[in-house]
Amino acid sequence: MKVILLENLKRVGSIGEVIDVKRGFARNFLIANNKALYASKENISQVEKIKADLSKKDNEKKKEAKKIFEQINKKKYTIKKLSTENKELYGSVKPTEIAKFILQNENLNIKPSMIQPLKDIKSIGEFKVKISLHSEVDAEIKIIVEPADSIQ
């Protein structure tokens, strides 16, 4: 199915580009989240007209992402979790928990879908976490997991 992209998407394409994607991806993600339009003649001419506006909006999003990047890149966050004697956690540290932690400490609203741990956080230690703030801006933080003394 051919669609026209309304924003830059990593590994997919850039604004105004007409791409061919699977039907489900187009309907359920791209079009549902206003990231693309069906590639009809009317839509193609409409996107050509508003391409400058879309680029401007994308640049604003990029500036915002860079501000957040400067605030959190290379920072370390310590999370206390209950663990067993052999340093394994009861459960794991999920992206939703990391997002809440950043919101509490930095007052930044980062979506859990933007947070990508390089490996599952299931034990005590130090873990690198990548945060995709924009298709061209990625921040990296460290999550330090320490044992908690008691149930919180």
C-alpha atoms as a PDB file:
ATOM      1  CA  MET A   1       0.000   0.000   0.000  1.00  0.00           C
ATOM      2  CA  LYS A   2       1.378   3.393  -0.980  1.00  0.00           C
ATOM      3  CA  VAL A   3       1.343   6.194   1.596  1.00  0.00           C
ATOM      4  CA  ILE A   4       2.788   9.708   1.876  1.00  0.00           C
ATOM      5  CA  LEU A   5       4.776  10.396   5.044  1.00  0.00           C
ATOM      6  CA  LEU A   6       3.836  13.469   7.083  1.00  0.00           C
ATOM      7  CA  GLU A   7       6.905  13.315   9.352  1.00  0.00           C
ATOM      8  CA  ASN A   8      10.425  11.891   9.417  1.00  0.00           C
ATOM      9  CA  LEU A   9      10.436   8.314  10.676  1.00  0.00           C
ATOM     10  CA  LYS A  10      13.533   6.311  11.505  1.00  0.00           C
ATOM     11  CA  ARG A  11      14.053   3.350   9.130  1.00  0.00           C
ATOM     12  CA  VAL A  12      10.907   4.303   7.160  1.00  0.00           C
ATOM     13  CA  GLY A  13      11.428   7.580   5.305  1.00  0.00           C
ATOM     14  CA  SER A  14      11.261  11.364   5.377  1.00  0.00           C
ATOM     15  CA  ILE A  15       8.540  14.010   5.030  1.00  0.00           C
ATOM     16  CA  GLY A  16       6.617  14.013   1.763  1.00  0.00           C
ATOM     17  CA  GLU A  17       8.107  10.735   0.579  1.00  0.00           C
ATOM     18  CA  VAL A  18       5.757   8.243  -1.087  1.00  0.00           C
ATOM     19  CA  ILE A  19       6.589   4.775   0.242  1.00  0.00           C
ATOM     20  CA  ASP A  20       5.172   1.293  -0.129  1.00  0.00           C
ATOM     21  CA  VAL A  21       4.369  -0.418   3.197  1.00  0.00           C
ATOM     22  CA  LYS A  22       2.270  -3.331   4.362  1.00  0.00           C
ATOM     23  CA  ARG A  23      -1.442  -2.644   4.651  1.00  0.00           C
ATOM     24  CA  GLY A  24      -1.650  -3.296   8.410  1.00  0.00           C
ATOM     25  CA  PHE A  25       1.342  -1.038   9.203  1.00  0.00           C
ATOM     26  CA  ALA A  26      -0.198   1.744   7.099  1.00  0.00           C
ATOM     27  CA  ARG A  27      -3.708   1.484   8.555  1.00  0.00           C
ATOM     28  CA  ASN A  28      -2.946   0.614  12.173  1.00  0.00           C
ATOM     29  CA  PHE A  29       0.117   2.768  12.801  1.00  0.00           C
ATOM     30  CA  LEU A  30       0.991   5.360  10.170  1.00  0.00           C
ATOM     31  CA  ILE A  31      -2.479   6.631   9.290  1.00  0.00           C
ATOM     32  CA  ALA A  32      -3.982   6.054  12.753  1.00  0.00           C
ATOM     33  CA  ASN A  33      -1.234   8.207  14.349  1.00  0.00           C
ATOM     34  CA  ASN A  34      -1.364  10.905  11.639  1.00  0.00           C
ATOM     35  CA  LYS A  35       2.129  10.035  10.445  1.00  0.00           C
ATOM     36  CA  ALA A  36       0.996   9.348   6.857  1.00  0.00           C
ATOM     37  CA  LEU A  37      -1.841   9.707   4.323  1.00  0.00           C
ATOM     38  CA  TYR A  38      -3.053   7.362   1.590  1.00  0.00           C
ATOM     39  CA  ALA A  39      -1.152   8.163  -1.621  1.00  0.00           C
ATOM     40  CA  SER A  40      -4.034   9.473  -3.771  1.00  0.00           C
ATOM     41  CA  LYS A  41      -3.475  12.200  -6.376  1.00  0.00           C
ATOM     42  CA  GLU A  42      -5.310  14.749  -4.223  1.00  0.00           C
ATOM     43  CA  ASN A  43      -3.270  13.884  -1.128  1.00  0.00           C
ATOM     44  CA  ILE A  44       0.016  14.040  -3.056  1.00  0.00           C
ATOM     45  CA  SER A  45      -0.755  17.557  -4.314  1.00  0.00           C
ATOM     46  CA  GLN A  46      -1.946  18.586  -0.826  1.00  0.00           C
ATOM     47  CA  VAL A  47       1.268  17.317   0.814  1.00  0.00           C
ATOM     48  CA  GLU A  48       3.399  19.177  -1.747  1.00  0.00           C
ATOM     49  CA  LYS A  49       1.666  22.402  -0.660  1.00  0.00           C
ATOM     50  CA  ILE A  50       2.103  21.820   3.081  1.00  0.00           C
ATOM     51  CA  LYS A  51       5.581  20.273   2.892  1.00  0.00           C
ATOM     52  CA  ALA A  52       7.224  23.497   4.147  1.00  0.00           C
ATOM     53  CA  ASP A  53       4.924  23.597   7.197  1.00  0.00           C
ATOM     54  CA  LEU A  54       5.643  19.954   7.933  1.00  0.00           C
ATOM     55  CA  SER A  55       9.395  20.577   7.723  1.00  0.00           C
ATOM     56  CA  LYS A  56       9.046  23.539  10.077  1.00  0.00           C
ATOM     57  CA  LYS A  57       7.091  21.430  12.599  1.00  0.00           C
ATOM     58  CA  ASP A  58       9.688  18.668  12.323  1.00  0.00           C
ATOM     59  CA  ASN A  59      12.493  21.165  12.990  1.00  0.00           C
ATOM     60  CA  GLU A  60      10.627  22.414  16.092  1.00  0.00           C
ATOM     61  CA  LYS A  61      10.264  18.838  17.334  1.00  0.00           C
ATOM     62  CA  LYS A  62      13.968  18.321  16.683  1.00  0.00           C
ATOM     63  CA  LYS A  63      14.886  21.459  18.689  1.00  0.00           C
ATOM     64  CA  GLU A  64      12.718  20.256  21.569  1.00  0.00           C
ATOM     65  CA  ALA A  65      14.347  16.825  21.389  1.00  0.00           C
ATOM     66  CA  LYS A  66      17.812  18.433  21.505  1.00  0.00           C
ATOM     67  CA  LYS A  67      16.868  20.390  24.649  1.00  0.00           C
ATOM     68  CA  ILE A  68      15.778  17.166  26.345  1.00  0.00           C
ATOM     69  CA  PHE A  69      18.931  15.464  25.028  1.00  0.00           C
ATOM     70  CA  GLU A  70      21.117  18.106  26.699  1.00  0.00           C
ATOM     71  CA  GLN A  71      19.252  17.647  29.988  1.00  0.00           C
ATOM     72  CA  ILE A  72      19.448  13.860  30.259  1.00  0.00           C
ATOM     73  CA  ASN A  73      22.224  12.544  28.003  1.00  0.00           C
ATOM     74  CA  LYS A  74      24.956  10.589  29.870  1.00  0.00           C
ATOM     75  CA  LYS A  75      23.131  10.999  33.217  1.00  0.00           C
ATOM     76  CA  LYS A  76      22.955   8.229  35.782  1.00  0.00           C
ATOM     77  CA  TYR A  77      19.772   7.329  37.621  1.00  0.00           C
ATOM     78  CA  THR A  78      19.649   5.049  40.632  1.00  0.00           C
ATOM     79  CA  ILE A  79      16.607   2.839  41.131  1.00  0.00           C
ATOM     80  CA  LYS A  80      16.145   0.714  44.243  1.00  0.00           C
ATOM     81  CA  LYS A  81      14.402  -2.632  43.731  1.00  0.00           C
ATOM     82  CA  LEU A  82      13.819  -5.754  45.823  1.00  0.00           C
ATOM     83  CA  SER A  83      16.268  -8.500  44.953  1.00  0.00           C
ATOM     84  CA  THR A  84      17.242 -12.059  45.875  1.00  0.00           C
ATOM     85  CA  GLU A  85      20.529 -13.050  47.532  1.00  0.00           C
ATOM     86  CA  ASN A  86      22.098 -13.820  44.140  1.00  0.00           C
ATOM     87  CA  LYS A  87      21.433 -10.234  42.951  1.00  0.00           C
ATOM     88  CA  GLU A  88      18.452 -10.991  40.694  1.00  0.00           C
ATOM     89  CA  LEU A  89      15.387  -8.755  40.823  1.00  0.00           C
ATOM     90  CA  TYR A  90      11.852  -9.772  41.631  1.00  0.00           C
ATOM     91  CA  GLY A  91      10.517  -8.749  38.229  1.00  0.00           C
ATOM     92  CA  SER A  92      12.429  -6.261  36.093  1.00  0.00           C
ATOM     93  CA  VAL A  93      12.794  -2.547  35.430  1.00  0.00           C
ATOM     94  CA  LYS A  94      10.454  -1.712  32.534  1.00  0.00           C
ATOM     95  CA  PRO A  95      10.462   1.371  30.248  1.00  0.00           C
ATOM     96  CA  THR A  96       7.248   2.631  31.924  1.00  0.00           C
ATOM     97  CA  GLU A  97       9.039   2.634  35.285  1.00  0.00           C
ATOM     98  CA  ILE A  98      12.055   4.453  33.808  1.00  0.00           C
ATOM     99  CA  ALA A  99       9.713   7.054  32.229  1.00  0.00           C
ATOM    100  CA  LYS A 100       7.994   7.674  35.607  1.00  0.00           C
ATOM    101  CA  PHE A 101      11.399   7.937  37.316  1.00  0.00           C
ATOM    102  CA  ILE A 102      12.621  10.553  34.789  1.00  0.00           C
ATOM    103  CA  LEU A 103       9.336  12.464  35.161  1.00  0.00           C
ATOM    104  CA  GLN A 104       9.787  12.578  38.970  1.00  0.00           C
ATOM    105  CA  ASN A 105      13.484  13.537  38.904  1.00  0.00           C
ATOM    106  CA  GLU A 106      13.826  15.733  35.798  1.00  0.00           C
ATOM    107  CA  ASN A 107      10.194  16.800  35.262  1.00  0.00           C
ATOM    108  CA  LEU A 108      10.437  15.594  31.647  1.00  0.00           C
ATOM    109  CA  ASN A 109       7.591  13.687  30.048  1.00  0.00           C
ATOM    110  CA  ILE A 110       9.185  10.888  28.011  1.00  0.00           C
ATOM    111  CA  LYS A 111       6.962   8.208  26.479  1.00  0.00           C
ATOM    112  CA  PRO A 112       7.829   4.626  27.459  1.00  0.00           C
ATOM    113  CA  SER A 113       7.864   3.710  23.745  1.00  0.00           C
ATOM    114  CA  MET A 114      10.895   6.008  23.293  1.00  0.00           C
ATOM    115  CA  ILE A 115      12.890   4.109  25.930  1.00  0.00           C
ATOM    116  CA  GLN A 116      14.904   1.144  24.708  1.00  0.00           C
ATOM    117  CA  PRO A 117      17.054  -0.717  27.247  1.00  0.00           C
ATOM    118  CA  LEU A 118      20.030  -2.325  25.459  1.00  0.00           C
ATOM    119  CA  LYS A 119      19.293  -5.499  27.443  1.00  0.00           C
ATOM    120  CA  ASP A 120      16.609  -6.508  29.938  1.00  0.00           C
ATOM    121  CA  ILE A 121      17.143  -5.051  33.401  1.00  0.00           C
ATOM    122  CA  LYS A 122      16.590  -8.093  35.617  1.00  0.00           C
ATOM    123  CA  SER A 123      19.481  -7.900  38.080  1.00  0.00           C
ATOM    124  CA  ILE A 124      21.464  -5.527  40.290  1.00  0.00           C
ATOM    125  CA  GLY A 125      24.021  -3.462  38.382  1.00  0.00           C
ATOM    126  CA  GLU A 126      24.526  -0.722  35.806  1.00  0.00           C
ATOM    127  CA  PHE A 127      22.627  -0.749  32.498  1.00  0.00           C
ATOM    128  CA  LYS A 128      22.746   1.482  29.414  1.00  0.00           C
ATOM    129  CA  VAL A 129      19.393   2.685  28.113  1.00  0.00           C
ATOM    130  CA  LYS A 130      18.834   4.406  24.759  1.00  0.00           C
ATOM    131  CA  ILE A 131      16.099   7.025  24.451  1.00  0.00           C
ATOM    132  CA  SER A 132      14.881   7.936  20.936  1.00  0.00           C
ATOM    133  CA  LEU A 133      13.778  11.551  21.290  1.00  0.00           C
ATOM    134  CA  HIS A 134      13.505  12.202  17.531  1.00  0.00           C
ATOM    135  CA  SER A 135      14.332  10.295  14.352  1.00  0.00           C
ATOM    136  CA  GLU A 136      17.741  12.031  14.403  1.00  0.00           C
ATOM    137  CA  VAL A 137      18.281  12.538  18.170  1.00  0.00           C
ATOM    138  CA  ASP A 138      19.097   9.669  20.544  1.00  0.00           C
ATOM    139  CA  ALA A 139      20.120  10.119  24.166  1.00  0.00           C
ATOM    140  CA  GLU A 140      21.827   7.515  26.306  1.00  0.00           C
ATOM    141  CA  ILE A 141      21.432   7.230  30.069  1.00  0.00           C
ATOM    142  CA  LYS A 142      22.619   4.758  32.681  1.00  0.00           C
ATOM    143  CA  ILE A 143      20.269   3.062  35.085  1.00  0.00           C
ATOM    144  CA  ILE A 144      21.949   1.847  38.263  1.00  0.00           C
ATOM    145  CA  VAL A 145      19.860  -0.765  40.041  1.00  0.00           C
ATOM    146  CA  GLU A 146      20.553  -1.127  43.780  1.00  0.00           C
ATOM    147  CA  PRO A 147      18.974  -3.522  46.254  1.00  0.00           C
ATOM    148  CA  ALA A 148      16.139  -2.053  48.339  1.00  0.00           C
ATOM    149  CA  ASP A 149      16.111  -2.777  52.080  1.00  0.00           C
ATOM    150  CA  SER A 150      12.386  -3.393  52.334  1.00  0.00           C
ATOM    151  CA  ILE A 151       9.193  -3.343  50.306  1.00  0.00           C
ATOM    152  CA  GLN A 152       8.241   0.223  49.329  1.00  0.00           C
END
